[in-house]
């Protein structure tokens, strides 16, 4: 018990915190990139379709993107969660 309390009291060095922050930012980009990329592609496809058909309905621009993002989030959630959990374990273990 005393070892655990002593280990919890250790303060990481500045370089370790800097590395951890850099890893956190890269993880945030890596986890969000698939969803953002798919949303951008669907938005582009909808914009091309709207330009080709000259249908300028606001709902038509947002609904497909919302549905596709929801599906991608549902499919990617296990991977996203495991990556975030692995990072959290590394961060709290100090390595």
Protein backbone atom coordinates (compact mmCIF):
# COMPACT_ATOMS: atom_id res chain seq x y z
CA UNK A 1 0.00 0.00 0.00
CA UNK A 2 2.84 2.39 0.84
CA UNK A 3 4.53 1.64 -2.51
CA UNK A 4 1.35 2.54 -4.32
CA UNK A 5 1.02 5.83 -2.42
CA UNK A 6 4.66 6.69 -3.08
CA UNK A 7 4.29 5.89 -6.78
CA UNK A 8 1.12 7.99 -7.00
CA UNK A 9 3.00 10.93 -5.52
CA UNK A 10 5.62 10.86 -8.31
CA UNK A 11 5.36 13.82 -10.62
CA UNK A 12 6.26 13.23 -14.28
CA UNK A 13 9.04 15.32 -15.76
CA UNK A 14 8.39 18.12 -18.19
CA UNK A 15 9.60 16.11 -21.17
CA UNK A 16 7.35 13.19 -20.21
CA UNK A 17 4.36 15.52 -19.99
CA UNK A 18 5.28 17.08 -23.31
CA UNK A 19 5.51 13.66 -24.96
CA UNK A 20 2.20 12.64 -23.42
CA UNK A 21 0.52 15.81 -24.69
CA UNK A 22 1.93 15.24 -28.17
CA UNK A 23 0.67 11.65 -28.17
CA UNK A 24 -2.76 12.84 -26.99
CA UNK A 25 -3.02 15.36 -29.82
CA UNK A 26 -1.93 12.80 -32.41
CA UNK A 27 -4.43 10.31 -31.01
CA UNK A 28 -7.22 12.89 -31.24
CA UNK A 29 -6.38 13.48 -34.90
CA UNK A 30 -6.09 9.77 -35.66
CA UNK A 31 -9.39 8.93 -33.98
CA UNK A 32 -11.36 11.78 -35.55
CA UNK A 33 -9.82 11.63 -39.03
CA UNK A 34 -11.93 8.76 -40.45
CA UNK A 35 -15.20 10.42 -39.41
CA UNK A 36 -14.19 13.85 -40.69
CA UNK A 37 -12.91 12.41 -43.99
CA UNK A 38 -16.13 10.48 -44.62
CA UNK A 39 -18.23 13.53 -43.74
CA UNK A 40 -16.20 15.64 -46.18
CA UNK A 41 -16.57 13.08 -48.97
CA UNK A 42 -20.32 12.77 -48.45
CA UNK A 43 -20.63 16.55 -48.34
CA UNK A 44 -18.74 16.80 -51.62
CA UNK A 45 -20.91 14.16 -53.26
CA UNK A 46 -24.09 15.86 -52.08
CA UNK A 47 -22.84 19.23 -53.32
CA UNK A 48 -22.05 17.77 -56.74
CA UNK A 49 -25.48 16.14 -56.89
CA UNK A 50 -27.18 19.37 -55.87
CA UNK A 51 -25.26 21.33 -58.47
CA UNK A 52 -26.03 18.78 -61.18
CA UNK A 53 -29.75 18.59 -60.40
CA UNK A 54 -30.12 22.24 -59.30
CA UNK A 55 -31.96 21.13 -56.18
CA UNK A 56 -30.94 23.53 -53.41
CA UNK A 57 -32.71 22.11 -50.38
CA UNK A 58 -30.91 22.69 -47.07
CA UNK A 59 -32.09 19.39 -45.58
CA UNK A 60 -30.64 17.50 -48.50
CA UNK A 61 -27.20 18.83 -47.64
CA UNK A 62 -27.21 17.81 -43.98
CA UNK A 63 -29.26 14.63 -43.69
CA UNK A 64 -27.00 12.27 -45.70
CA UNK A 65 -23.93 13.55 -43.89
CA UNK A 66 -25.60 13.06 -40.51
CA UNK A 67 -26.65 9.51 -41.35
CA UNK A 68 -23.24 8.51 -42.73
CA UNK A 69 -21.39 10.02 -39.77
CA UNK A 70 -23.69 8.13 -37.38
CA UNK A 71 -23.01 4.85 -39.20
CA UNK A 72 -19.25 5.46 -39.31
CA UNK A 73 -19.21 6.33 -35.60
CA UNK A 74 -21.14 3.15 -34.81
CA UNK A 75 -18.73 1.04 -36.85
CA UNK A 76 -15.54 2.73 -35.64
CA UNK A 77 -16.53 3.07 -31.96
CA UNK A 78 -14.83 -0.18 -30.81
CA UNK A 79 -11.54 0.82 -32.44
CA UNK A 80 -11.76 4.40 -31.17
CA UNK A 81 -12.52 3.24 -27.64
CA UNK A 82 -9.68 0.72 -27.59
CA UNK A 83 -7.17 3.30 -28.83
CA UNK A 84 -8.26 5.85 -26.23
CA UNK A 85 -8.27 3.22 -23.46
CA UNK A 86 -4.77 2.03 -24.45
CA UNK A 87 -3.51 5.61 -24.34
CA UNK A 88 -5.11 6.20 -20.95
CA UNK A 89 -3.48 3.07 -19.56
CA UNK A 90 -0.08 4.15 -20.88
CA UNK A 91 -0.56 7.64 -19.48
CA UNK A 92 -1.58 6.52 -16.00
CA UNK A 93 1.10 3.84 -15.79
CA UNK A 94 3.71 6.45 -16.54
CA UNK A 95 5.05 4.88 -19.72
